[in-house]
Amino acid sequence: MMRNRMKEFREIHNISQAQMAEMLHVSRQTIISIEKERYNPSLPLAIQIARCFKTNVEEVFILEDK
């Protein structure tokens, strides 16, 4: 299971879902699905997301033990 802080980081950086989608070349629906933890991004996409927030992947995505 993986949690994420994407919405939190997006709000801190004042980036809308639409802006985030455009920056990452994905749909807004993809951003929504990631934020609602219905979809885990690929490693390359997770890295791109972290770079948008000028942080590392582990700060945005948290792997939880079962």
N, C-alpha and C. Protein backbone atom coordinates (compact mmCIF):
# COMPACT_ATOMS: atom_id res chain seq x y z
N MET A 1 0.85 -1.19 0.00
CA MET A 1 0.00 0.00 0.00
C MET A 1 0.89 1.24 0.00
N MET A 2 0.49 2.21 -0.78
CA MET A 2 1.27 3.44 -0.84
C MET A 2 0.34 4.64 -0.66
N ARG A 3 0.69 5.46 0.30
CA ARG A 3 -0.02 6.73 0.51
C ARG A 3 0.75 7.82 -0.23
N ASN A 4 0.09 8.96 -0.42
CA ASN A 4 0.84 10.08 -0.99
C ASN A 4 0.38 11.40 -0.41
N ARG A 5 1.26 12.37 -0.53
CA ARG A 5 1.01 13.73 -0.03
C ARG A 5 0.93 14.70 -1.20
N MET A 6 0.55 14.19 -2.37
CA MET A 6 0.56 15.00 -3.57
C MET A 6 -0.36 16.22 -3.46
N LYS A 7 -1.58 16.03 -2.98
CA LYS A 7 -2.50 17.16 -2.85
C LYS A 7 -1.92 18.22 -1.91
N GLU A 8 -1.37 17.77 -0.80
CA GLU A 8 -0.75 18.69 0.18
C GLU A 8 0.36 19.52 -0.48
N PHE A 9 1.27 18.84 -1.18
CA PHE A 9 2.36 19.55 -1.85
C PHE A 9 1.83 20.48 -2.95
N ARG A 10 0.82 20.02 -3.68
CA ARG A 10 0.26 20.83 -4.76
C ARG A 10 -0.35 22.12 -4.20
N GLU A 11 -1.05 22.00 -3.08
CA GLU A 11 -1.66 23.18 -2.45
C GLU A 11 -0.60 24.12 -1.88
N ILE A 12 0.45 23.58 -1.27
CA ILE A 12 1.54 24.40 -0.75
C ILE A 12 2.17 25.23 -1.88
N HIS A 13 2.32 24.60 -3.05
CA HIS A 13 2.94 25.28 -4.20
C HIS A 13 1.93 26.04 -5.06
N ASN A 14 0.66 26.05 -4.61
CA ASN A 14 -0.40 26.78 -5.29
C ASN A 14 -0.52 26.36 -6.76
N ILE A 15 -0.57 25.05 -6.98
CA ILE A 15 -0.69 24.48 -8.32
C ILE A 15 -2.03 23.76 -8.40
N SER A 16 -2.84 24.07 -9.40
CA SER A 16 -4.12 23.40 -9.57
C SER A 16 -3.92 22.01 -10.16
N GLN A 17 -4.96 21.20 -10.08
CA GLN A 17 -4.88 19.87 -10.68
C GLN A 17 -4.63 19.98 -12.18
N ALA A 18 -5.30 20.93 -12.82
CA ALA A 18 -5.14 21.11 -14.27
C ALA A 18 -3.71 21.53 -14.61
N GLN A 19 -3.14 22.44 -13.82
CA GLN A 19 -1.76 22.88 -14.05
C GLN A 19 -0.79 21.72 -13.86
N MET A 20 -1.02 20.92 -12.83
CA MET A 20 -0.16 19.78 -12.56
C MET A 20 -0.22 18.79 -13.71
N ALA A 21 -1.42 18.52 -14.19
CA ALA A 21 -1.60 17.60 -15.31
C ALA A 21 -0.84 18.11 -16.54
N GLU A 22 -0.94 19.39 -16.81
CA GLU A 22 -0.25 19.97 -17.96
C GLU A 22 1.26 19.86 -17.80
N MET A 23 1.77 20.14 -16.61
CA MET A 23 3.20 20.06 -16.35
C MET A 23 3.74 18.65 -16.57
N LEU A 24 2.92 17.65 -16.23
CA LEU A 24 3.36 16.26 -16.28
C LEU A 24 2.94 15.55 -17.57
N HIS A 25 2.19 16.25 -18.41
CA HIS A 25 1.70 15.69 -19.68
C HIS A 25 0.81 14.46 -19.44
N VAL A 26 -0.07 14.60 -18.44
CA VAL A 26 -1.06 13.56 -18.15
C VAL A 26 -2.42 14.25 -18.06
N SER A 27 -3.48 13.46 -17.93
CA SER A 27 -4.81 14.04 -17.80
C SER A 27 -5.06 14.50 -16.36
N ARG A 28 -6.02 15.40 -16.21
CA ARG A 28 -6.41 15.84 -14.88
C ARG A 28 -6.98 14.65 -14.11
N GLN A 29 -7.64 13.74 -14.81
CA GLN A 29 -8.19 12.54 -14.17
C GLN A 29 -7.08 11.70 -13.54
N THR A 30 -5.92 11.66 -14.18
CA THR A 30 -4.77 10.93 -13.62
C THR A 30 -4.35 11.56 -12.30
N ILE A 31 -4.29 12.88 -12.26
CA ILE A 31 -3.93 13.60 -11.03
C ILE A 31 -4.94 13.29 -9.93
N ILE A 32 -6.22 13.34 -10.27
CA ILE A 32 -7.28 13.05 -9.30
C ILE A 32 -7.12 11.62 -8.77
N SER A 33 -6.89 10.67 -9.66
CA SER A 33 -6.76 9.27 -9.26
C SER A 33 -5.55 9.05 -8.36
N ILE A 34 -4.45 9.72 -8.64
CA ILE A 34 -3.26 9.60 -7.79
C ILE A 34 -3.56 10.20 -6.41
N GLU A 35 -4.16 11.39 -6.39
CA GLU A 35 -4.44 12.05 -5.11
C GLU A 35 -5.42 11.25 -4.25
N LYS A 36 -6.36 10.56 -4.88
CA LYS A 36 -7.34 9.76 -4.13
C LYS A 36 -6.82 8.35 -3.85
N GLU A 37 -5.55 8.13 -4.22
CA GLU A 37 -4.85 6.87 -3.98
C GLU A 37 -5.54 5.68 -4.65
N ARG A 38 -6.18 5.94 -5.78
CA ARG A 38 -6.78 4.87 -6.60
C ARG A 38 -5.77 4.35 -7.60
N TYR A 39 -4.71 5.12 -7.83
CA TYR A 39 -3.73 4.79 -8.84
C TYR A 39 -2.35 5.16 -8.33
N ASN A 40 -1.40 4.24 -8.42
CA ASN A 40 -0.02 4.52 -8.07
C ASN A 40 0.73 4.84 -9.35
N PRO A 41 1.40 5.98 -9.39
CA PRO A 41 2.11 6.35 -10.62
C PRO A 41 3.32 5.44 -10.86
N SER A 42 3.73 5.40 -12.11
CA SER A 42 4.97 4.69 -12.45
C SER A 42 6.13 5.40 -11.77
N LEU A 43 7.25 4.74 -11.67
CA LEU A 43 8.43 5.36 -11.06
C LEU A 43 8.84 6.63 -11.80
N PRO A 44 8.92 6.62 -13.15
CA PRO A 44 9.28 7.87 -13.84
C PRO A 44 8.31 9.02 -13.54
N LEU A 45 7.01 8.71 -13.48
CA LEU A 45 6.03 9.76 -13.19
C LEU A 45 6.18 10.24 -11.74
N ALA A 46 6.40 9.33 -10.81
CA ALA A 46 6.60 9.71 -9.40
C ALA A 46 7.82 10.63 -9.26
N ILE A 47 8.88 10.34 -10.00
CA ILE A 47 10.07 11.20 -9.98
C ILE A 47 9.75 12.57 -10.54
N GLN A 48 9.00 12.61 -11.64
CA GLN A 48 8.61 13.90 -12.22
C GLN A 48 7.78 14.72 -11.23
N ILE A 49 6.86 14.05 -10.55
CA ILE A 49 6.01 14.73 -9.56
C ILE A 49 6.88 15.33 -8.46
N ALA A 50 7.78 14.54 -7.92
CA ALA A 50 8.67 15.03 -6.85
C ALA A 50 9.50 16.21 -7.34
N ARG A 51 9.99 16.15 -8.56
CA ARG A 51 10.79 17.26 -9.11
C ARG A 51 9.97 18.54 -9.23
N CYS A 52 8.69 18.41 -9.55
CA CYS A 52 7.82 19.60 -9.63
C CYS A 52 7.77 20.32 -8.29
N PHE A 53 7.87 19.53 -7.21
CA PHE A 53 7.80 20.10 -5.86
C PHE A 53 9.19 20.33 -5.27
N LYS A 54 10.24 20.10 -6.07
CA LYS A 54 11.62 20.28 -5.63
C LYS A 54 11.91 19.49 -4.35
N THR A 55 11.49 18.23 -4.36
CA THR A 55 11.73 17.35 -3.23
C THR A 55 12.02 15.95 -3.76
N ASN A 56 12.15 14.99 -2.86
CA ASN A 56 12.41 13.63 -3.31
C ASN A 56 11.13 12.80 -3.28
N VAL A 57 11.16 11.69 -3.97
CA VAL A 57 9.98 10.83 -4.11
C VAL A 57 9.45 10.40 -2.75
N GLU A 58 10.35 10.09 -1.82
CA GLU A 58 9.94 9.59 -0.51
C GLU A 58 9.16 10.62 0.31
N GLU A 59 9.33 11.90 0.00
CA GLU A 59 8.57 12.94 0.70
C GLU A 59 7.11 13.00 0.20
N VAL A 60 6.91 12.64 -1.05
CA VAL A 60 5.58 12.71 -1.65
C VAL A 60 4.83 11.38 -1.52
N PHE A 61 5.55 10.28 -1.72
CA PHE A 61 4.94 8.96 -1.70
C PHE A 61 5.49 8.15 -0.54
N ILE A 62 4.57 7.61 0.26
CA ILE A 62 4.95 6.89 1.47
C ILE A 62 4.53 5.43 1.32
N LEU A 63 5.49 4.53 1.32
CA LEU A 63 5.21 3.10 1.24
C LEU A 63 4.91 2.60 2.64
N GLU A 64 3.72 2.03 2.80
CA GLU A 64 3.32 1.54 4.12
C GLU A 64 3.47 0.03 4.18
N ASP A 65 3.95 -0.45 5.32
CA ASP A 65 4.04 -1.89 5.54
C ASP A 65 2.65 -2.43 5.79
N LYS A 66 2.44 -3.67 5.39
CA LYS A 66 1.12 -4.29 5.62
C LYS A 66 0.98 -4.76 7.03
